[in-house]
Amino acid sequence: MKTQRGMSLVEVMVAVVILGSGILGLAALQGRSVAMTQSSHYRGVAADLAADLADRIRANRTPFFTMENAALHSDMQTNLPPNFANCPQNTSAPDTAPTCSAQPSGHQAYLVATEMSEWNSALRAQLPNGRYTLNAAAAAAAATNPASGFYRYTLVITWADDRTNNSTFSYTTVIE
């Protein structure tokens, strides 16, 4: 009776196929991980940009928060904070500065064009094909005091991300 020594060629080939398929699976997993990491980075940048715009809006609004008995102080009735939604992104040429229309009566335009231009430049530099829409609605204070002039903004930031199956992502936040 003969005893077998070593491994047969078939056993070696099966082991190589199993090892090869495992290595290919790991390579695919690594590629997907890199794509998701980049996508996560873009989401973080969008959140940071949204927080930056919120800070800019609040900084321009802070001097106007002089409320007395749930109403604006009489000195501030004619100098309300600006409406940042009056500076939409130029959709035909997003890299250019946003064109700001006139502010509503009684609202100051202090630094709005400069702030939105700087913020749009940061958006375009940090997110591929970065775009935004900023819509304003009367803030909750306007329900009790229509003359308050404060706004509640809804900001939607969109960008292109060709590393994943979905080519466009968006981030939405509310700024009060």
Protein backbone atom coordinates (compact mmCIF):
# COMPACT_ATOMS: atom_id res chain seq x y z
CA MET A 1 0.00 0.00 0.00
CA LYS A 2 1.32 3.38 -1.06
CA THR A 3 0.99 6.40 1.19
CA GLN A 4 0.54 9.83 -0.21
CA ARG A 5 3.20 12.41 0.46
CA GLY A 6 2.70 16.18 0.06
CA MET A 7 -0.24 17.93 -1.54
CA SER A 8 -1.73 17.30 -4.92
CA LEU A 9 -1.78 19.96 -7.59
CA VAL A 10 -5.58 20.28 -7.31
CA GLU A 11 -5.36 21.11 -3.61
CA VAL A 12 -2.74 23.79 -4.29
CA MET A 13 -4.87 25.34 -7.07
CA VAL A 14 -7.96 25.46 -4.81
CA ALA A 15 -5.93 27.15 -2.07
CA VAL A 16 -4.56 29.74 -4.54
CA VAL A 17 -8.07 30.50 -5.85
CA ILE A 18 -9.42 30.99 -2.33
CA LEU A 19 -6.46 33.20 -1.37
CA GLY A 20 -6.77 35.23 -4.60
CA SER A 21 -10.49 35.85 -4.15
CA GLY A 22 -9.87 36.98 -0.57
CA ILE A 23 -7.19 39.43 -1.68
CA LEU A 24 -9.45 40.80 -4.45
CA GLY A 25 -12.22 41.28 -1.87
CA LEU A 26 -9.86 43.20 0.39
CA ALA A 27 -8.77 45.42 -2.52
CA ALA A 28 -12.41 46.22 -3.36
CA LEU A 29 -13.10 46.98 0.28
CA GLN A 30 -10.13 49.33 0.42
CA GLY A 31 -11.33 51.21 -2.68
CA ARG A 32 -14.82 51.62 -1.24
CA SER A 33 -13.33 52.79 2.07
CA VAL A 34 -11.33 55.53 0.31
CA ALA A 35 -14.46 56.72 -1.54
CA MET A 36 -16.51 56.84 1.66
CA THR A 37 -13.72 58.69 3.49
CA GLN A 38 -13.69 61.38 0.80
CA SER A 39 -17.48 61.63 0.90
CA SER A 40 -17.36 61.96 4.69
CA HIS A 41 -14.76 64.71 4.36
CA TYR A 42 -17.04 66.67 2.01
CA ARG A 43 -19.95 66.31 4.43
CA GLY A 44 -17.79 67.69 7.23
CA VAL A 45 -16.69 70.61 5.06
CA ALA A 46 -20.34 71.36 4.20
CA ALA A 47 -21.26 71.36 7.90
CA ASP A 48 -18.33 73.69 8.69
CA LEU A 49 -19.31 76.05 5.86
CA ALA A 50 -22.91 76.11 7.07
CA ALA A 51 -21.73 76.97 10.59
CA ASP A 52 -19.48 79.67 9.14
CA LEU A 53 -22.39 81.29 7.30
CA ALA A 54 -24.56 81.04 10.43
CA ASP A 55 -21.85 82.85 12.40
CA ARG A 56 -21.61 85.55 9.73
CA ILE A 57 -25.38 86.06 9.81
CA ARG A 58 -25.46 86.20 13.59
CA ALA A 59 -22.49 88.58 13.74
CA ASN A 60 -24.31 91.03 11.49
CA ARG A 61 -27.50 90.60 13.50
CA THR A 62 -26.07 90.86 17.04
CA PRO A 63 -26.24 94.67 17.45
CA PHE A 64 -29.91 94.53 16.57
CA PHE A 65 -30.88 92.24 19.46
CA THR A 66 -31.94 94.98 21.82
CA MET A 67 -35.33 93.69 22.83
CA GLU A 68 -37.39 95.21 25.61
CA ASN A 69 -40.57 93.49 26.76
CA ALA A 70 -40.58 91.16 23.70
CA ALA A 71 -40.32 94.13 21.31
CA LEU A 72 -37.45 95.90 19.63
CA HIS A 73 -36.06 98.91 21.39
CA SER A 74 -37.45 102.07 19.77
CA ASP A 75 -33.98 103.13 18.56
CA MET A 76 -33.69 99.95 16.50
CA GLN A 77 -37.06 100.04 14.74
CA THR A 78 -35.57 101.66 11.64
CA ASN A 79 -32.26 99.75 11.58
CA LEU A 80 -33.19 96.11 11.26
CA PRO A 81 -30.66 93.36 10.45
CA PRO A 82 -30.01 92.56 6.79
CA ASN A 83 -31.63 89.74 4.84
CA PHE A 84 -28.81 87.50 3.61
CA ALA A 85 -31.18 85.63 1.30
CA ASN A 86 -31.09 88.69 -0.96
CA CYS A 87 -27.66 87.50 -2.15
CA PRO A 88 -28.32 84.36 -4.22
CA GLN A 89 -25.52 82.50 -5.94
CA ASN A 90 -25.11 83.33 -9.62
CA THR A 91 -26.18 79.99 -11.15
CA SER A 92 -24.73 80.78 -14.60
CA ALA A 93 -21.32 81.69 -13.14
CA PRO A 94 -21.11 80.33 -9.57
CA ASP A 95 -17.46 81.38 -9.15
CA THR A 96 -18.41 85.05 -9.39
CA ALA A 97 -19.54 87.01 -6.36
CA PRO A 98 -23.24 86.75 -5.56
CA THR A 99 -25.30 89.69 -6.73
CA CYS A 100 -27.12 91.22 -3.78
CA SER A 101 -30.45 92.91 -4.37
CA ALA A 102 -31.68 95.79 -2.26
CA GLN A 103 -32.60 95.12 1.33
CA PRO A 104 -36.21 95.49 2.47
CA SER A 105 -37.22 98.89 3.79
CA GLY A 106 -35.66 99.59 7.18
CA HIS A 107 -33.05 96.82 6.91
CA GLN A 108 -29.36 97.61 6.90
CA ALA A 109 -27.10 96.26 4.15
CA TYR A 110 -23.98 96.38 6.30
CA LEU A 111 -21.34 93.95 4.98
CA VAL A 112 -23.87 91.57 3.42
CA ALA A 113 -22.32 91.62 -0.05
CA THR A 114 -18.79 91.23 1.35
CA GLU A 115 -19.76 88.39 3.69
CA MET A 116 -21.64 86.46 1.01
CA SER A 117 -18.86 86.98 -1.54
CA GLU A 118 -16.21 85.66 0.86
CA TRP A 119 -18.39 82.74 1.90
CA ASN A 120 -19.22 81.82 -1.71
CA SER A 121 -15.49 81.84 -2.54
CA ALA A 122 -14.80 79.48 0.38
CA LEU A 123 -17.65 77.21 -0.71
CA ARG A 124 -16.40 77.01 -4.30
CA ALA A 125 -12.80 76.40 -3.16
CA GLN A 126 -13.60 73.62 -0.69
CA LEU A 127 -16.40 71.64 -2.35
CA PRO A 128 -16.37 70.41 -5.95
CA ASN A 129 -19.08 72.24 -7.90
CA GLY A 130 -20.33 73.70 -4.61
CA ARG A 131 -23.66 75.51 -4.82
CA TYR A 132 -26.06 76.97 -2.30
CA THR A 133 -29.59 78.23 -1.88
CA LEU A 134 -30.53 80.41 1.05
CA ASN A 135 -34.21 81.05 1.75
CA ALA A 136 -35.51 83.40 4.40
CA ALA A 137 -38.74 83.30 6.36
CA ALA A 138 -39.94 85.48 9.19
CA ALA A 139 -38.51 84.29 12.50
CA ALA A 140 -40.72 83.16 15.37
CA ALA A 141 -40.42 86.63 16.94
CA ALA A 142 -42.22 88.06 13.91
CA ALA A 143 -45.38 86.19 14.89
CA THR A 144 -45.71 88.26 18.06
CA ASN A 145 -44.05 91.37 16.66
CA PRO A 146 -44.18 91.71 12.86
CA ALA A 147 -41.88 94.73 13.01
CA SER A 148 -39.03 92.67 14.48
CA GLY A 149 -37.62 92.05 11.02
CA PHE A 150 -35.62 88.98 12.03
CA TYR A 151 -35.27 86.07 9.63
CA ARG A 152 -35.04 82.31 9.87
CA TYR A 153 -32.93 80.91 7.03
CA THR A 154 -32.91 77.52 5.37
CA LEU A 155 -29.52 76.83 3.79
CA VAL A 156 -29.02 74.01 1.29
CA ILE A 157 -25.47 73.28 0.14
CA THR A 158 -25.00 70.87 -2.79
CA TRP A 159 -21.79 69.48 -4.28
CA ALA A 160 -20.59 66.88 -6.76
CA ASP A 161 -19.03 63.66 -5.51
CA ASP A 162 -18.17 61.30 -8.34
CA ARG A 163 -16.43 58.76 -6.08
CA THR A 164 -19.70 57.19 -5.02
CA ASN A 165 -22.78 55.94 -6.86
CA ASN A 166 -24.73 59.09 -6.03
CA SER A 167 -23.09 61.95 -7.93
CA THR A 168 -24.71 64.85 -6.02
CA PHE A 169 -24.94 65.34 -2.28
CA SER A 170 -26.62 68.04 -0.25
CA TYR A 171 -26.54 69.36 3.29
CA THR A 172 -29.48 71.30 4.72
CA THR A 173 -29.55 73.36 7.88
CA VAL A 174 -31.70 76.02 9.50
CA ILE A 175 -30.13 79.25 10.78
CA GLU A 176 -32.03 81.21 13.40
